[in-house]
Protein backbone atom coordinates (compact mmCIF):
# COMPACT_ATOMS: atom_id res chain seq x y z
CA MET A 1 23.67 15.65 -5.38
CA PRO A 2 22.34 17.94 -2.62
CA LEU A 3 23.37 17.38 0.97
CA ILE A 4 20.89 15.55 3.14
CA ASP A 5 19.73 17.20 6.36
CA TYR A 6 19.83 14.02 8.44
CA ALA A 7 18.00 15.49 11.45
CA GLU A 8 15.13 16.72 9.29
CA THR A 9 14.98 13.47 7.33
CA LEU A 10 15.03 11.35 10.52
CA ASP A 11 12.14 13.40 11.84
CA LYS A 12 10.16 12.83 8.62
CA LEU A 13 10.89 9.10 8.74
CA GLN A 14 9.81 8.81 12.37
CA LYS A 15 6.62 10.80 11.82
CA ALA A 16 5.74 8.66 8.81
CA LEU A 17 6.44 5.42 10.69
CA ALA A 18 4.20 6.54 13.55
CA ALA A 19 1.42 7.64 11.20
CA ARG A 20 1.51 4.32 9.37
CA TYR A 21 1.52 2.39 12.66
CA ALA A 22 -1.49 4.41 13.86
CA LYS A 23 -3.37 3.33 10.71
CA ASP A 24 -2.19 -0.30 10.78
CA SER A 25 -0.41 -1.65 13.86
CA GLY A 26 0.27 -4.89 11.95
CA VAL A 27 2.99 -3.09 10.03
CA LEU A 28 5.23 -3.74 13.07
CA ASN A 29 5.93 -6.74 15.29
CA ALA A 30 3.75 -9.22 13.34
CA PRO A 31 6.09 -11.91 11.96
CA GLY A 32 5.25 -12.85 8.39
CA SER A 33 3.53 -9.59 7.50
CA ALA A 34 5.34 -6.73 9.27
CA VAL A 35 8.21 -4.68 7.85
CA ALA A 36 9.95 -4.78 11.26
CA CYS A 37 9.87 -6.98 14.37
CA LYS A 38 11.49 -6.32 17.73
CA ILE A 39 13.98 -9.14 18.40
CA ASP A 40 15.98 -7.69 21.29
CA GLN A 41 15.73 -4.78 23.70
CA ASN A 42 18.19 -2.92 21.47
CA TYR A 43 17.16 -3.93 17.94
CA TRP A 44 14.32 -4.43 15.51
CA LEU A 45 14.95 -6.80 12.61
CA VAL A 46 13.73 -5.14 9.42
CA VAL A 47 13.02 -6.78 6.07
CA GLU A 48 15.04 -4.99 3.43
CA PRO A 49 14.60 -3.30 1.08
CA LEU A 50 10.92 -3.33 2.08
CA PHE A 51 11.48 -1.40 5.31
CA SER A 52 13.56 1.48 3.93
CA GLN A 53 11.48 1.75 0.75
CA SER A 54 8.22 1.76 2.72
CA LEU A 55 9.55 4.44 5.07
CA ALA A 56 10.61 6.48 2.06
CA ALA A 57 7.19 6.17 0.42
CA TRP A 58 5.29 6.97 3.63
CA SER A 59 7.45 10.03 4.33
CA GLY A 60 7.88 11.40 0.81
CA VAL A 61 11.66 11.03 1.06
CA ALA A 62 13.71 9.53 -1.78
CA PRO A 63 14.51 5.84 -1.05
CA GLU A 64 18.27 6.46 -1.27
CA ALA A 65 18.00 9.38 1.15
CA ALA A 66 15.94 7.36 3.63
CA LEU A 67 18.44 4.50 3.66
CA GLU A 68 21.47 6.79 3.74
CA THR A 69 19.99 8.71 6.66
CA LEU A 70 19.32 5.56 8.67
CA VAL A 71 22.82 4.19 8.02
CA ARG A 72 24.83 7.41 8.38
CA THR A 73 23.13 8.37 11.65
CA GLY A 74 23.77 4.90 13.07
CA ASN A 75 20.08 4.09 13.41
CA MET A 76 20.54 1.13 11.05
CA ILE A 77 23.48 -1.12 11.82
CA SER A 78 26.02 -1.35 9.03
CA ARG A 79 29.39 -2.96 8.59
CA ALA A 80 32.46 -1.88 6.62
CA GLU A 81 33.39 -4.29 3.84
CA ALA A 82 36.89 -5.04 2.54
CA ASP A 83 36.29 -2.90 -0.57
CA GLY A 84 35.47 0.17 1.56
CA SER A 85 31.71 -0.01 1.02
CA ARG A 86 29.20 -0.42 3.83
CA SER A 87 26.75 -3.29 4.09
CA HIS A 88 23.50 -2.81 6.00
CA THR A 89 21.90 -6.21 5.40
CA LEU A 90 22.51 -9.86 6.05
CA ARG A 91 20.65 -12.75 4.43
CA LEU A 92 19.25 -14.76 7.38
CA ARG A 93 16.89 -17.60 8.07
CA VAL A 94 14.21 -16.54 10.58
CA SER A 95 11.28 -18.35 12.17
CA TRP A 96 8.17 -17.74 14.26
CA PRO A 97 5.59 -20.03 15.88
CA THR A 98 3.43 -20.51 12.78
CA ARG A 99 6.49 -20.97 10.55
CA PRO A 100 8.95 -23.02 12.66
CA GLU A 101 10.79 -24.28 9.57
CA GLY A 102 11.84 -20.73 8.87
CA LEU A 103 12.08 -18.37 5.94
CA GLU A 104 15.10 -16.66 4.40
CA VAL A 105 15.00 -12.85 4.43
CA GLU A 106 17.31 -9.97 3.66
CA ALA A 107 17.57 -8.56 7.18
CA GLY A 108 18.66 -5.21 8.52
CA PHE A 109 18.87 -4.16 12.16
CA VAL A 110 17.44 -0.84 13.33
CA LEU A 111 18.00 0.60 16.78
CA ALA A 112 15.03 0.12 19.09
CA GLU A 113 15.53 3.72 20.22
CA PHE A 114 14.72 5.00 16.70
CA MET A 115 11.60 2.87 16.37
CA GLU A 116 10.23 3.38 19.86
CA ARG A 117 10.97 7.09 19.96
CA ALA A 118 8.94 7.48 16.76
CA LEU A 119 6.02 5.56 18.24
CA ALA A 120 6.18 7.25 21.65
CA ILE A 121 6.41 10.81 20.37
CA TYR A 122 4.37 10.73 17.18
CA ALA A 123 1.94 7.83 17.65
CA ARG A 124 1.67 8.39 21.42
CA THR A 125 2.08 4.69 22.20
CA ASP A 126 4.04 2.98 24.93
CA ALA A 127 7.71 3.65 24.31
CA VAL A 128 8.75 0.05 24.88
CA HIS A 129 7.28 -2.71 22.73
CA ALA A 130 7.36 -6.36 23.72
CA LEU A 131 9.67 -8.66 21.81
CA SER A 132 8.01 -10.26 18.81
CA ASP A 133 7.85 -14.01 18.22
CA LEU A 134 10.33 -13.66 15.35
CA ARG A 135 13.61 -15.48 15.95
CA VAL A 136 16.80 -15.86 13.96
CA LYS A 137 17.71 -19.51 13.38
CA ALA A 138 20.55 -20.53 15.74
CA ALA A 139 22.69 -21.70 12.81
CA GLU A 140 22.94 -18.02 11.78
CA GLN A 141 24.32 -16.78 15.12
CA GLU A 142 28.00 -16.71 14.07
CA ARG A 143 27.15 -14.68 10.97
CA VAL A 144 25.12 -12.23 13.05
CA LEU A 145 27.95 -11.88 15.58
CA HIS A 146 30.41 -11.22 12.74
CA PHE A 147 28.06 -8.59 11.26
CA PHE A 148 27.87 -6.88 14.67
CA GLU A 149 31.63 -7.02 15.28
CA GLY A 150 32.59 -4.04 17.45
CA LYS A 151 28.96 -3.40 18.42
CA THR A 152 26.62 -4.87 21.00
CA PRO A 153 25.01 -7.89 19.30
CA PRO A 154 21.45 -9.08 19.86
CA GLY A 155 21.05 -11.29 22.95
CA ARG A 156 20.93 -15.08 23.01
CA TRP A 157 17.11 -15.04 23.21
CA THR A 158 17.12 -13.77 19.61
CA TYR A 159 17.91 -17.27 18.33
CA ASP A 160 15.72 -20.30 17.67
CA ASP A 161 17.57 -23.58 18.09
CA ARG A 162 14.79 -25.71 16.61
CA PRO A 163 15.94 -27.49 13.41
């Protein structure tokens, strides 16, 4: 397997994300239809594998290379498992105003810096996006904190305490 040039691949992923956003802004920050929503000043919650596979398709990068690049560069949060593997997703219940009962998704967390740099540089949009209406159900908070062990976790405003 050839070595991946992470810097080059990151650039391709960011350019593709920006180009897709320029065509359809609903691809981001629209709970229920977007591949990623900003939940904290530091993180976007991404629906996996939809997010990494979409980025791969938009950029012409192999899906495995796109995901590996995001994880290995630290742009997608991952956690070491007992067997030595790395996990980049967590099954979570999320909600938003038009779906207060919530929906279970396979969630990943991407650094806001990666997302907003792509949009600022390549889509020429404001670098900082407002938080979306997407919230993680409060019952999931302990699992999220465990997943983020050793890293700065999302803030308390990330959680929805409605039943």
